[in-house]
C-alpha cells in the first residue's frame, strides 16, 4: 500500500507541474482508498519480490500499463482452494466399485 501511496504522491506532483505550465494532466492511475475501505487488486508478475503485497496492482493500472498477471499465484491459491472443496464433497467421491477395482489393480 505504501508503494501505491508513493506513486500517487508522484502523480500529484507531476500533475501540479503540468497545471503550472498550462497543460492538462493525465488522470491519476493510483487513487488511494480511505482507511478500512475495500479495493480491488490483481497480483502481477514481479521479479524483485516474492511478497504478495509487492505484487498487488489496481486493475486499471494493469490494463493501462499492460502488466502481466501472475497466473501461478492464482493457480496455487484460488484453484487449490476449490480443489479442496471438491475433494471433500461426497458427490465428487469415487464409487465403492471404482475404489475396489483400483485396490485390486494395486495388488496385482
PDB file of N, CA and C in Angstrom:
ATOM      1  N   UNK A   1       0.819  -1.182   0.000  1.00  0.00           N
ATOM      2  CA  UNK A   1       0.000   0.000   0.000  1.00  0.00           C
ATOM      3  C   UNK A   1       0.867   1.252   0.000  1.00  0.00           C
ATOM      4  N   UNK A   2       1.979   1.220   0.730  1.00  0.00           N
ATOM      5  CA  UNK A   2       2.849   2.399   0.773  1.00  0.00           C
ATOM      6  C   UNK A   2       3.452   2.666  -0.604  1.00  0.00           C
ATOM      7  N   UNK A   3       3.720   1.609  -1.357  1.00  0.00           N
ATOM      8  CA  UNK A   3       4.241   1.770  -2.713  1.00  0.00           C
ATOM      9  C   UNK A   3       3.228   2.507  -3.579  1.00  0.00           C
ATOM     10  N   UNK A   4       1.953   2.148  -3.458  1.00  0.00           N
ATOM     11  CA  UNK A   4       0.904   2.806  -4.231  1.00  0.00           C
ATOM     12  C   UNK A   4       0.725   4.254  -3.774  1.00  0.00           C
ATOM     13  N   UNK A   5       0.839   4.477  -2.478  1.00  0.00           N
ATOM     14  CA  UNK A   5       0.721   5.837  -1.947  1.00  0.00           C
ATOM     15  C   UNK A   5       1.851   6.718  -2.485  1.00  0.00           C
ATOM     16  N   UNK A   6       3.064   6.171  -2.537  1.00  0.00           N
ATOM     17  CA  UNK A   6       4.203   6.914  -3.084  1.00  0.00           C
ATOM     18  C   UNK A   6       3.979   7.267  -4.549  1.00  0.00           C
ATOM     19  N   UNK A   7       3.471   6.326  -5.306  1.00  0.00           N
ATOM     20  CA  UNK A   7       3.210   6.592  -6.726  1.00  0.00           C
ATOM     21  C   UNK A   7       2.129   7.647  -6.895  1.00  0.00           C
ATOM     22  N   UNK A   8       1.107   7.598  -6.045  1.00  0.00           N
ATOM     23  CA  UNK A   8       0.043   8.606  -6.109  1.00  0.00           C
ATOM     24  C   UNK A   8       0.608   9.994  -5.797  1.00  0.00           C
ATOM     25  N   UNK A   9       1.481  10.082  -4.810  1.00  0.00           N
ATOM     26  CA  UNK A   9       2.104  11.359  -4.455  1.00  0.00           C
ATOM     27  C   UNK A   9       2.914  11.896  -5.632  1.00  0.00           C
ATOM     28  N   UNK A  10       3.657  11.025  -6.316  1.00  0.00           N
ATOM     29  CA  UNK A  10       4.413  11.448  -7.501  1.00  0.00           C
ATOM     30  C   UNK A  10       3.489  11.915  -8.613  1.00  0.00           C
ATOM     31  N   UNK A  11       2.368  11.203  -8.795  1.00  0.00           N
ATOM     32  CA  UNK A  11       1.399  11.612  -9.817  1.00  0.00           C
ATOM     33  C   UNK A  11       0.829  12.988  -9.514  1.00  0.00           C
ATOM     34  N   UNK A  12       0.522  13.238  -8.241  1.00  0.00           N
ATOM     35  CA  UNK A  12       0.003  14.558  -7.859  1.00  0.00           C
ATOM     36  C   UNK A  12       1.022  15.651  -8.147  1.00  0.00           C
ATOM     37  N   UNK A  13       2.287  15.397  -7.815  1.00  0.00           N
ATOM     38  CA  UNK A  13       3.340  16.389  -8.057  1.00  0.00           C
ATOM     39  C   UNK A  13       3.507  16.648  -9.555  1.00  0.00           C
ATOM     40  N   UNK A  14       3.477  15.589 -10.359  1.00  0.00           N
ATOM     41  CA  UNK A  14       3.582  15.752 -11.814  1.00  0.00           C
ATOM     42  C   UNK A  14       2.403  16.543 -12.363  1.00  0.00           C
ATOM     43  N   UNK A  15       1.205  16.262 -11.850  1.00  0.00           N
ATOM     44  CA  UNK A  15       0.011  16.977 -12.307  1.00  0.00           C
ATOM     45  C   UNK A  15       0.107  18.461 -11.969  1.00  0.00           C
ATOM     46  N   UNK A  16       0.592  18.789 -10.783  1.00  0.00           N
ATOM     47  CA  UNK A  16       0.740  20.201 -10.397  1.00  0.00           C
ATOM     48  C   UNK A  16       1.731  20.916 -11.307  1.00  0.00           C
ATOM     49  N   UNK A  17       2.825  20.243 -11.664  1.00  0.00           N
ATOM     50  CA  UNK A  17       3.805  20.843 -12.580  1.00  0.00           C
ATOM     51  C   UNK A  17       3.183  21.109 -13.945  1.00  0.00           C
ATOM     52  N   UNK A  18       2.397  20.149 -14.441  1.00  0.00           N
ATOM     53  CA  UNK A  18       1.750  20.325 -15.739  1.00  0.00           C
ATOM     54  C   UNK A  18       0.735  21.462 -15.703  1.00  0.00           C
ATOM     55  N   UNK A  19      -0.014  21.563 -14.614  1.00  0.00           N
ATOM     56  CA  UNK A  19      -1.008  22.634 -14.482  1.00  0.00           C
ATOM     57  C   UNK A  19      -0.315  23.994 -14.472  1.00  0.00           C
ATOM     58  N   UNK A  20       0.817  24.095 -13.775  1.00  0.00           N
ATOM     59  CA  UNK A  20       1.570  25.353 -13.746  1.00  0.00           C
ATOM     60  C   UNK A  20       2.044  25.748 -15.139  1.00  0.00           C
ATOM     61  N   UNK A  21       2.348  24.749 -15.979  1.00  0.00           N
ATOM     62  CA  UNK A  21       2.795  25.023 -17.347  1.00  0.00           C
ATOM     63  C   UNK A  21       1.622  25.270 -18.285  1.00  0.00           C
ATOM     64  N   UNK A  22       0.395  25.125 -17.772  1.00  0.00           N
ATOM     65  CA  UNK A  22      -0.794  25.336 -18.588  1.00  0.00           C
ATOM     66  C   UNK A  22      -1.222  24.116 -19.382  1.00  0.00           C
ATOM     67  N   UNK A  23      -0.698  22.958 -19.029  1.00  0.00           N
ATOM     68  CA  UNK A  23      -1.048  21.712 -19.712  1.00  0.00           C
ATOM     69  C   UNK A  23      -2.074  20.928 -18.901  1.00  0.00           C
ATOM     70  N   UNK A  24      -2.775  20.040 -19.572  1.00  0.00           N
ATOM     71  CA  UNK A  24      -3.774  19.207 -18.895  1.00  0.00           C
ATOM     72  C   UNK A  24      -3.114  17.919 -18.414  1.00  0.00           C
ATOM     73  N   UNK A  25      -3.196  17.634 -17.122  1.00  0.00           N
ATOM     74  CA  UNK A  25      -2.579  16.399 -16.614  1.00  0.00           C
ATOM     75  C   UNK A  25      -3.421  15.168 -16.953  1.00  0.00           C
ATOM     76  N   UNK A  26      -2.753  14.035 -16.979  1.00  0.00           N
ATOM     77  CA  UNK A  26      -3.436  12.751 -17.168  1.00  0.00           C
ATOM     78  C   UNK A  26      -4.204  12.409 -15.892  1.00  0.00           C
ATOM     79  N   UNK A  27      -5.298  11.640 -16.004  1.00  0.00           N
ATOM     80  CA  UNK A  27      -5.982  11.193 -14.779  1.00  0.00           C
ATOM     81  C   UNK A  27      -5.048  10.300 -13.958  1.00  0.00           C
ATOM     82  N   UNK A  28      -5.230  10.316 -12.652  1.00  0.00           N
ATOM     83  CA  UNK A  28      -4.374   9.519 -11.768  1.00  0.00           C
ATOM     84  C   UNK A  28      -4.614   8.029 -11.985  1.00  0.00           C
ATOM     85  N   UNK A  29      -3.534   7.272 -12.021  1.00  0.00           N
ATOM     86  CA  UNK A  29      -3.643   5.813 -12.056  1.00  0.00           C
ATOM     87  C   UNK A  29      -3.850   5.272 -10.648  1.00  0.00           C
ATOM     88  N   UNK A  30      -3.223   5.920  -9.692  1.00  0.00           N
ATOM     89  CA  UNK A  30      -3.237   5.425  -8.316  1.00  0.00           C
ATOM     90  C   UNK A  30      -4.111   6.320  -7.450  1.00  0.00           C
ATOM     91  N   UNK A  31      -5.338   5.859  -7.178  1.00  0.00           N
ATOM     92  CA  UNK A  31      -6.234   6.543  -6.242  1.00  0.00           C
ATOM     93  C   UNK A  31      -6.161   5.788  -4.923  1.00  0.00           C
ATOM     94  N   UNK A  32      -5.805   6.465  -3.882  1.00  0.00           N
ATOM     95  CA  UNK A  32      -5.614   5.825  -2.585  1.00  0.00           C
ATOM     96  C   UNK A  32      -6.964   5.671  -1.882  1.00  0.00           C
ATOM     97  N   UNK A  33      -7.328   4.435  -1.490  1.00  0.00           N
ATOM     98  CA  UNK A  33      -8.592   4.234  -0.766  1.00  0.00           C
ATOM     99  C   UNK A  33      -8.503   4.778   0.657  1.00  0.00           C
ATOM    100  N   UNK A  34      -9.646   5.064   1.213  1.00  0.00           N
ATOM    101  CA  UNK A  34      -9.716   5.510   2.607  1.00  0.00           C
ATOM    102  C   UNK A  34      -9.373   4.336   3.523  1.00  0.00           C
ATOM    103  N   UNK A  35      -8.854   4.607   4.716  1.00  0.00           N
ATOM    104  CA  UNK A  35      -8.558   3.516   5.654  1.00  0.00           C
ATOM    105  C   UNK A  35      -9.810   2.676   5.928  1.00  0.00           C
ATOM    106  N   UNK A  36      -9.679   1.374   5.804  1.00  0.00           N
ATOM    107  CA  UNK A  36     -10.794   0.459   6.023  1.00  0.00           C
ATOM    108  C   UNK A  36     -11.634   0.204   4.783  1.00  0.00           C
ATOM    109  N   UNK A  37     -11.437   0.993   3.735  1.00  0.00           N
ATOM    110  CA  UNK A  37     -12.200   0.828   2.501  1.00  0.00           C
ATOM    111  C   UNK A  37     -11.639  -0.349   1.702  1.00  0.00           C
ATOM    112  N   UNK A  38     -12.529  -1.144   1.138  1.00  0.00           N
ATOM    113  CA  UNK A  38     -12.094  -2.267   0.313  1.00  0.00           C
ATOM    114  C   UNK A  38     -11.726  -1.764  -1.077  1.00  0.00           C
ATOM    115  N   UNK A  39     -10.770  -2.446  -1.697  1.00  0.00           N
ATOM    116  CA  UNK A  39     -10.396  -2.095  -3.063  1.00  0.00           C
ATOM    117  C   UNK A  39     -10.017  -3.359  -3.817  1.00  0.00           C
ATOM    118  N   UNK A  40     -10.168  -3.303  -5.130  1.00  0.00           N
ATOM    119  CA  UNK A  40      -9.822  -4.444  -5.967  1.00  0.00           C
ATOM    120  C   UNK A  40      -8.352  -4.375  -6.328  1.00  0.00           C
ATOM    121  N   UNK A  41      -7.741  -5.542  -6.452  1.00  0.00           N
ATOM    122  CA  UNK A  41      -6.347  -5.599  -6.881  1.00  0.00           C
ATOM    123  C   UNK A  41      -6.115  -6.880  -7.670  1.00  0.00           C
ATOM    124  N   UNK A  42      -5.042  -6.862  -8.437  1.00  0.00           N
ATOM    125  CA  UNK A  42      -4.619  -8.016  -9.218  1.00  0.00           C
ATOM    126  C   UNK A  42      -3.167  -8.292  -8.854  1.00  0.00           C
ATOM    127  N   UNK A  43      -2.828  -9.559  -8.694  1.00  0.00           N
ATOM    128  CA  UNK A  43      -1.445  -9.932  -8.403  1.00  0.00           C
ATOM    129  C   UNK A  43      -0.724 -10.084  -9.744  1.00  0.00           C
ATOM    130  N   UNK A  44       0.368  -9.338  -9.902  1.00  0.00           N
ATOM    131  CA  UNK A  44       1.106  -9.338 -11.162  1.00  0.00           C
ATOM    132  C   UNK A  44       2.452 -10.029 -11.004  1.00  0.00           C
ATOM    133  N   UNK A  45       3.070 -10.360 -12.128  1.00  0.00           N
ATOM    134  CA  UNK A  45       4.419 -10.927 -12.099  1.00  0.00           C
ATOM    135  C   UNK A  45       5.392  -9.829 -11.718  1.00  0.00           C
ATOM    136  N   UNK A  46       6.297 -10.149 -10.788  1.00  0.00           N
ATOM    137  CA  UNK A  46       7.262  -9.164 -10.311  1.00  0.00           C
ATOM    138  C   UNK A  46       8.493  -9.929  -9.859  1.00  0.00           C
ATOM    139  N   UNK A  47       9.596  -9.739 -10.554  1.00  0.00           N
ATOM    140  CA  UNK A  47      10.820 -10.486 -10.243  1.00  0.00           C
ATOM    141  C   UNK A  47      11.506 -10.004  -8.978  1.00  0.00           C
ATOM    142  N   UNK A  48      11.245  -8.770  -8.584  1.00  0.00           N
ATOM    143  CA  UNK A  48      12.010  -8.191  -7.479  1.00  0.00           C
ATOM    144  C   UNK A  48      11.584  -8.683  -6.100  1.00  0.00           C
ATOM    145  N   UNK A  49      10.386  -9.239  -5.966  1.00  0.00           N
ATOM    146  CA  UNK A  49       9.929  -9.637  -4.636  1.00  0.00           C
ATOM    147  C   UNK A  49       8.994 -10.832  -4.716  1.00  0.00           C
ATOM    148  N   UNK A  50       8.981 -11.614  -3.654  1.00  0.00           N
ATOM    149  CA  UNK A  50       8.068 -12.742  -3.560  1.00  0.00           C
ATOM    150  C   UNK A  50       6.863 -12.423  -2.680  1.00  0.00           C
ATOM    151  N   UNK A  51       6.874 -11.263  -2.030  1.00  0.00           N
ATOM    152  CA  UNK A  51       5.754 -10.900  -1.161  1.00  0.00           C
ATOM    153  C   UNK A  51       4.560 -10.466  -2.009  1.00  0.00           C
ATOM    154  N   UNK A  52       3.381 -10.968  -1.664  1.00  0.00           N
ATOM    155  CA  UNK A  52       2.181 -10.670  -2.435  1.00  0.00           C
ATOM    156  C   UNK A  52       1.882  -9.171  -2.416  1.00  0.00           C
ATOM    157  N   UNK A  53       2.119  -8.515  -1.303  1.00  0.00           N
ATOM    158  CA  UNK A  53       1.849  -7.085  -1.215  1.00  0.00           C
ATOM    159  C   UNK A  53       2.637  -6.268  -2.217  1.00  0.00           C
ATOM    160  N   UNK A  54       3.825  -6.732  -2.573  1.00  0.00           N
ATOM    161  CA  UNK A  54       4.638  -6.026  -3.564  1.00  0.00           C
ATOM    162  C   UNK A  54       4.187  -6.315  -4.989  1.00  0.00           C
ATOM    163  N   UNK A  55       3.349  -7.330  -5.154  1.00  0.00           N
ATOM    164  CA  UNK A  55       2.880  -7.710  -6.482  1.00  0.00           C
ATOM    165  C   UNK A  55       1.469  -7.199  -6.770  1.00  0.00           C
ATOM    166  N   UNK A  56       0.853  -6.517  -5.811  1.00  0.00           N
ATOM    167  CA  UNK A  56      -0.518  -6.042  -5.979  1.00  0.00           C
ATOM    168  C   UNK A  56      -0.555  -4.777  -6.829  1.00  0.00           C
ATOM    169  N   UNK A  57      -1.514  -4.726  -7.755  1.00  0.00           N
ATOM    170  CA  UNK A  57      -1.746  -3.529  -8.560  1.00  0.00           C
ATOM    171  C   UNK A  57      -3.247  -3.353  -8.733  1.00  0.00           C
ATOM    172  N   UNK A  58      -3.661  -2.104  -8.907  1.00  0.00           N
ATOM    173  CA  UNK A  58      -5.060  -1.826  -9.213  1.00  0.00           C
ATOM    174  C   UNK A  58      -5.371  -2.363 -10.610  1.00  0.00           C
ATOM    175  N   UNK A  59      -6.597  -2.860 -10.833  1.00  0.00           N
ATOM    176  CA  UNK A  59      -6.949  -3.390 -12.163  1.00  0.00           C
ATOM    177  C   UNK A  59      -6.728  -2.379 -13.291  1.00  0.00           C
ATOM    178  N   UNK A  60      -7.045  -1.122 -13.055  1.00  0.00           N
ATOM    179  CA  UNK A  60      -6.872  -0.099 -14.092  1.00  0.00           C
ATOM    180  C   UNK A  60      -5.396   0.080 -14.456  1.00  0.00           C
ATOM    181  N   UNK A  61      -4.513  -0.018 -13.476  1.00  0.00           N
ATOM    182  CA  UNK A  61      -3.073   0.099 -13.727  1.00  0.00           C
ATOM    183  C   UNK A  61      -2.605  -1.074 -14.584  1.00  0.00           C
ATOM    184  N   UNK A  62      -3.093  -2.268 -14.267  1.00  0.00           N
ATOM    185  CA  UNK A  62      -2.713  -3.459 -15.030  1.00  0.00           C
ATOM    186  C   UNK A  62      -3.161  -3.311 -16.481  1.00  0.00           C
ATOM    187  N   UNK A  63      -4.401  -2.821 -16.685  1.00  0.00           N
ATOM    188  CA  UNK A  63      -4.917  -2.642 -18.042  1.00  0.00           C
ATOM    189  C   UNK A  63      -4.123  -1.596 -18.808  1.00  0.00           C
ATOM    190  N   UNK A  64      -3.950  -0.441 -18.206  1.00  0.00           N
ATOM    191  CA  UNK A  64      -3.293   0.674 -18.910  1.00  0.00           C
ATOM    192  C   UNK A  64      -1.826   0.417 -19.207  1.00  0.00           C
ATOM    193  N   UNK A  65      -1.128  -0.198 -18.273  1.00  0.00           N
ATOM    194  CA  UNK A  65       0.308  -0.413 -18.451  1.00  0.00           C
ATOM    195  C   UNK A  65       0.647  -1.784 -19.028  1.00  0.00           C
ATOM    196  N   UNK A  66      -0.370  -2.618 -19.246  1.00  0.00           N
ATOM    197  CA  UNK A  66      -0.153  -3.930 -19.853  1.00  0.00           C
ATOM    198  C   UNK A  66       0.706  -4.857 -19.014  1.00  0.00           C
ATOM    199  N   UNK A  67       0.530  -4.811 -17.704  1.00  0.00           N
ATOM    200  CA  UNK A  67       1.325  -5.672 -16.822  1.00  0.00           C
ATOM    201  C   UNK A  67       0.812  -7.105 -16.902  1.00  0.00           C
ATOM    202  N   UNK A  68       1.711  -8.071 -16.669  1.00  0.00           N
ATOM    203  CA  UNK A  68       1.358  -9.488 -16.757  1.00  0.00           C
ATOM    204  C   UNK A  68       0.806  -9.986 -15.424  1.00  0.00           C
ATOM    205  N   UNK A  69      -0.305 -10.688 -15.501  1.00  0.00           N
ATOM    206  CA  UNK A  69      -0.928 -11.265 -14.312  1.00  0.00           C
ATOM    207  C   UNK A  69      -0.141 -12.503 -13.889  1.00  0.00           C
ATOM    208  N   UNK A  70       0.040 -12.675 -12.589  1.00  0.00           N
ATOM    209  CA  UNK A  70       0.773 -13.825 -12.050  1.00  0.00           C
ATOM    210  C   UNK A  70      -0.173 -15.025 -11.969  1.00  0.00           C
ATOM    211  N   UNK A  71      -0.240 -15.766 -13.058  1.00  0.00           N
ATOM    212  CA  UNK A  71      -1.151 -16.905 -13.153  1.00  0.00           C
ATOM    213  C   UNK A  71      -0.818 -17.964 -12.105  1.00  0.00           C
ATOM    214  N   UNK A  72       0.459 -18.197 -11.840  1.00  0.00           N
ATOM    215  CA  UNK A  72       0.838 -19.236 -10.875  1.00  0.00           C
ATOM    216  C   UNK A  72       0.301 -18.920  -9.482  1.00  0.00           C
ATOM    217  N   UNK A  73       0.241 -17.644  -9.112  1.00  0.00           N
ATOM    218  CA  UNK A  73      -0.320 -17.262  -7.813  1.00  0.00           C
ATOM    219  C   UNK A  73      -1.785 -17.697  -7.731  1.00  0.00           C
ATOM    220  N   UNK A  74      -2.543 -17.399  -8.790  1.00  0.00           N
ATOM    221  CA  UNK A  74      -3.963 -17.742  -8.780  1.00  0.00           C
ATOM    222  C   UNK A  74      -4.175 -19.250  -8.824  1.00  0.00           C
ATOM    223  N   UNK A  75      -3.326 -19.974  -9.542  1.00  0.00           N
ATOM    224  CA  UNK A  75      -3.446 -21.436  -9.562  1.00  0.00           C
ATOM    225  C   UNK A  75      -3.167 -22.022  -8.186  1.00  0.00           C
ATOM    226  N   UNK A  76      -2.162 -21.490  -7.511  1.00  0.00           N
ATOM    227  CA  UNK A  76      -1.805 -22.008  -6.185  1.00  0.00           C
ATOM    228  C   UNK A  76      -2.859 -21.680  -5.136  1.00  0.00           C
ATOM    229  N   UNK A  77      -3.456 -20.519  -5.202  1.00  0.00           N
ATOM    230  CA  UNK A  77      -4.372 -20.097  -4.143  1.00  0.00           C
ATOM    231  C   UNK A  77      -5.827 -20.400  -4.463  1.00  0.00           C
ATOM    232  N   UNK A  78      -6.331 -19.877  -5.547  1.00  0.00           N
ATOM    233  CA  UNK A  78      -7.757 -19.995  -5.847  1.00  0.00           C
ATOM    234  C   UNK A  78      -8.119 -21.403  -6.298  1.00  0.00           C
ATOM    235  N   UNK A  79      -7.389 -21.925  -7.260  1.00  0.00           N
ATOM    236  CA  UNK A  79      -7.722 -23.247  -7.792  1.00  0.00           C
ATOM    237  C   UNK A  79      -7.513 -24.325  -6.733  1.00  0.00           C
ATOM    238  N   UNK A  80      -6.451 -24.222  -5.949  1.00  0.00           N
ATOM    239  CA  UNK A  80      -6.228 -25.239  -4.918  1.00  0.00           C
ATOM    240  C   UNK A  80      -7.306 -25.179  -3.841  1.00  0.00           C
ATOM    241  N   UNK A  81      -7.817 -23.991  -3.560  1.00  0.00           N
ATOM    242  CA  UNK A  81      -8.912 -23.867  -2.596  1.00  0.00           C
ATOM    243  C   UNK A  81     -10.151 -24.588  -3.121  1.00  0.00           C
ATOM    244  N   UNK A  82     -10.458 -24.390  -4.399  1.00  0.00           N
ATOM    245  CA  UNK A  82     -11.611 -25.073  -4.998  1.00  0.00           C
ATOM    246  C   UNK A  82     -11.398 -26.583  -5.014  1.00  0.00           C
ATOM    247  N   UNK A  83     -10.168 -27.010  -5.282  1.00  0.00           N
ATOM    248  CA  UNK A  83      -9.873 -28.443  -5.309  1.00  0.00           C
ATOM    249  C   UNK A  83     -10.106 -29.071  -3.940  1.00  0.00           C
ATOM    250  N   UNK A  84      -9.789 -28.342  -2.884  1.00  0.00           N
ATOM    251  CA  UNK A  84     -10.024 -28.879  -1.535  1.00  0.00           C
ATOM    252  C   UNK A  84     -11.509 -29.107  -1.291  1.00  0.00           C
ATOM    253  N   UNK A  85     -12.341 -28.182  -1.740  1.00  0.00           N
ATOM    254  CA  UNK A  85     -13.784 -28.361  -1.572  1.00  0.00           C
ATOM    255  C   UNK A  85     -14.271 -29.565  -2.372  1.00  0.00           C
ATOM    256  N   UNK A  86     -13.773 -29.711  -3.584  1.00  0.00           N
ATOM    257  CA  UNK A  86     -14.182 -30.835  -4.427  1.00  0.00           C
ATOM    258  C   UNK A  86     -13.753 -32.153  -3.796  1.00  0.00           C
ATOM    259  N   UNK A  87     -12.560 -32.212  -3.233  1.00  0.00           N
ATOM    260  CA  UNK A  87     -12.069 -33.452  -2.634  1.00  0.00           C
ATOM    261  C   UNK A  87     -12.914 -33.910  -1.458  1.00  0.00           C
ATOM    262  N   UNK A  88     -13.533 -32.994  -0.750  1.00  0.00           N
ATOM    263  CA  UNK A  88     -14.303 -33.373   0.431  1.00  0.00           C
ATOM    264  C   UNK A  88     -15.803 -33.443   0.183  1.00  0.00           C
ATOM    265  N   UNK A  89     -16.262 -33.084  -0.984  1.00  0.00           N
ATOM    266  CA  UNK A  89     -17.681 -33.132  -1.305  1.00  0.00           C
ATOM    267  C   UNK A  89     -18.035 -34.562  -1.710  1.00  0.00           C
ATOM    268  N   UNK A  90     -19.049 -35.114  -1.093  1.00  0.00           N
ATOM    269  CA  UNK A  90     -19.452 -36.505  -1.339  1.00  0.00           C
ATOM    270  C   UNK A  90     -19.798 -36.766  -2.800  1.00  0.00           C
ATOM    271  N   UNK A  91     -20.393 -35.801  -3.470  1.00  0.00           N
ATOM    272  CA  UNK A  91     -20.813 -36.038  -4.855  1.00  0.00           C
ATOM    273  C   UNK A  91     -19.630 -36.225  -5.802  1.00  0.00           C
ATOM    274  N   UNK A  92     -18.427 -35.818  -5.385  1.00  0.00           N
ATOM    275  CA  UNK A  92     -17.244 -35.963  -6.229  1.00  0.00           C
ATOM    276  C   UNK A  92     -16.388 -37.170  -5.847  1.00  0.00           C
ATOM    277  N   UNK A  93     -16.811 -37.936  -4.863  1.00  0.00           N
ATOM    278  CA  UNK A  93     -16.036 -39.094  -4.420  1.00  0.00           C
ATOM    279  C   UNK A  93     -16.286 -40.277  -5.354  1.00  0.00           C
ATOM    280  N   UNK A  94     -15.269 -41.104  -5.580  1.00  0.00           N
ATOM    281  CA  UNK A  94     -15.456 -42.268  -6.451  1.00  0.00           C
ATOM    282  C   UNK A  94     -16.393 -43.282  -5.790  1.00  0.00           C
ATOM    283  N   UNK A  95     -17.061 -44.038  -6.629  1.00  0.00           N
ATOM    284  CA  UNK A  95     -17.979 -45.047  -6.095  1.00  0.00           C
ATOM    285  C   UNK A  95     -17.178 -46.179  -5.444  1.00  0.00           C
ATOM    286  N   UNK A  96     -17.863 -46.976  -4.646  1.00  0.00           N
ATOM    287  CA  UNK A  96     -17.240 -48.088  -3.940  1.00  0.00           C
ATOM    288  C   UNK A  96     -16.624 -49.078  -4.933  1.00  0.00           C
ATOM    289  N   UNK A  97     -17.318 -49.316  -6.053  1.00  0.00           N
ATOM    290  CA  UNK A  97     -16.830 -50.258  -7.058  1.00  0.00           C
ATOM    291  C   UNK A  97     -15.512 -49.776  -7.670  1.00  0.00           C
ATOM    292  N   UNK A  98     -15.404 -48.503  -7.939  1.00  0.00           N
ATOM    293  CA  UNK A  98     -14.178 -47.951  -8.533  1.00  0.00           C
ATOM    294  C   UNK A  98     -13.012 -48.081  -7.562  1.00  0.00           C
ATOM    295  N   UNK A  99     -13.278 -47.849  -6.280  1.00  0.00           N
ATOM    296  CA  UNK A  99     -12.227 -47.973  -5.265  1.00  0.00           C
ATOM    297  C   UNK A  99     -11.759 -49.422  -5.172  1.00  0.00           C
ATOM    298  N   UNK A 100     -12.699 -50.381  -5.159  1.00  0.00           N
ATOM    299  CA  UNK A 100     -12.331 -51.805  -5.108  1.00  0.00           C
ATOM    300  C   UNK A 100     -11.510 -52.211  -6.324  1.00  0.00           C
ATOM    301  N   UNK A 101     -11.906 -51.738  -7.495  1.00  0.00           N
ATOM    302  CA  UNK A 101     -11.180 -52.063  -8.721  1.00  0.00           C
ATOM    303  C   UNK A 101      -9.755 -51.506  -8.678  1.00  0.00           C
ATOM    304  N   UNK A 102      -9.592 -50.302  -8.174  1.00  0.00           N
ATOM    305  CA  UNK A 102      -8.258 -49.696  -8.068  1.00  0.00           C
ATOM    306  C   UNK A 102      -7.393 -50.463  -7.074  1.00  0.00           C
ATOM    307  N   UNK A 103      -7.995 -50.911  -5.966  1.00  0.00           N
ATOM    308  CA  UNK A 103      -7.245 -51.687  -4.977  1.00  0.00           C
ATOM    309  C   UNK A 103      -6.806 -53.039  -5.540  1.00  0.00           C
ATOM    310  N   UNK A 104      -7.666 -53.670  -6.341  1.00  0.00           N
ATOM    311  CA  UNK A 104      -7.308 -54.945  -6.966  1.00  0.00           C
ATOM    312  C   UNK A 104      -6.130 -54.764  -7.910  1.00  0.00           C
ATOM    313  N   UNK A 105      -6.115 -53.665  -8.659  1.00  0.00           N
ATOM    314  CA  UNK A 105      -5.011 -53.391  -9.591  1.00  0.00           C
ATOM    315  C   UNK A 105      -3.704 -53.176  -8.834  1.00  0.00           C
ATOM    316  N   UNK A 106      -3.787 -52.566  -7.666  1.00  0.00           N
ATOM    317  CA  UNK A 106      -2.585 -52.342  -6.865  1.00  0.00           C
ATOM    318  C   UNK A 106      -2.008 -53.660  -6.351  1.00  0.00           C
ATOM    319  N   UNK A 107      -2.881 -54.623  -6.008  1.00  0.00           N
ATOM    320  CA  UNK A 107      -2.426 -55.923  -5.508  1.00  0.00           C
ATOM    321  C   UNK A 107      -1.735 -56.726  -6.600  1.00  0.00           C
ATOM    322  N   UNK A 108      -2.232 -56.588  -7.828  1.00  0.00           N
ATOM    323  CA  UNK A 108      -1.686 -57.395  -8.941  1.00  0.00           C
ATOM    324  C   UNK A 108      -0.394 -56.895  -9.424  1.00  0.00           C
TER     325      UNK A 108
END
